[in-house]
Amino acid sequence: MKKLITSLILAIATIVALPAVAWAHVVVTPDQAGVGAGTMFNVSVPNEKEVAVTSVKLDIPKGVQNVQPDALAGWNIATAQDKDGNVTAITWTGTIPAGQREDFAFKAQTPANATNLDWKAYQTYGDGTVVHWDQNPATNGKAVKNNAGPYSITKITDDLSSSDAGSGNPAGSGTSTTATLALALSIAALILGLGGLFLGRRRK
């Protein structure tokens, strides 16, 4: 029984740890938003090397409008625009020391139609290394190979339709990871409780 309980606990611990592994990448949230909605996006950038990160560039997908980056102390922010004045990229220049991370925020209006936003990012280090977060996660998975890794995706849903409106889940909530953690922790607590009950009975 002890071996069974130990195995189950290890399995739960592995499930709980998975989201943390995913967050070791450059990640843009939320992972879901409604059509035509003014949305606050966050770019989480960890430093995974022994030298400082010096800049982060994020390509803005087509259809995203009214992009406004938040000011961030210690960072210079530049935007690239197309001929119509739409922001096509944001570049943050500053320093993320080794072993630390930074969050970059910007507000934007999502496309008017349901689609997926592919957030391709480019992370430059002080030694000149550039990690390209521009690989399709559907075909390349989550691994980082040859300084290239998967990009984040925000699913734009038609939350104005009757099917989505009655779901009770507001678009852009970005709560999928939190829900997974809560479920995993609840299962772990249940297993530990049952294990203690069985062990208590055996000792009697």
Foldseek 3Di string as FASTA:
>chain_A
DVVVLVVVLVVLVVLLCVVVVLLQDFEKDDQWAAAQDWDKIKTKFAAADQFKWFKKKKFWDPQKAPKFWDDDPQWDKDFDADPVRGTGMIMIGGIDHHPGMDMTMIIITHHRDWDKIWIWMWIAGPVGDIQTQDDDCVPQNADGDPSYGHTGIHTYDHCVDPVNVPPPDHIRPSCPSVVSNVVSVVVSVVSVVVVVVVVVVVVD
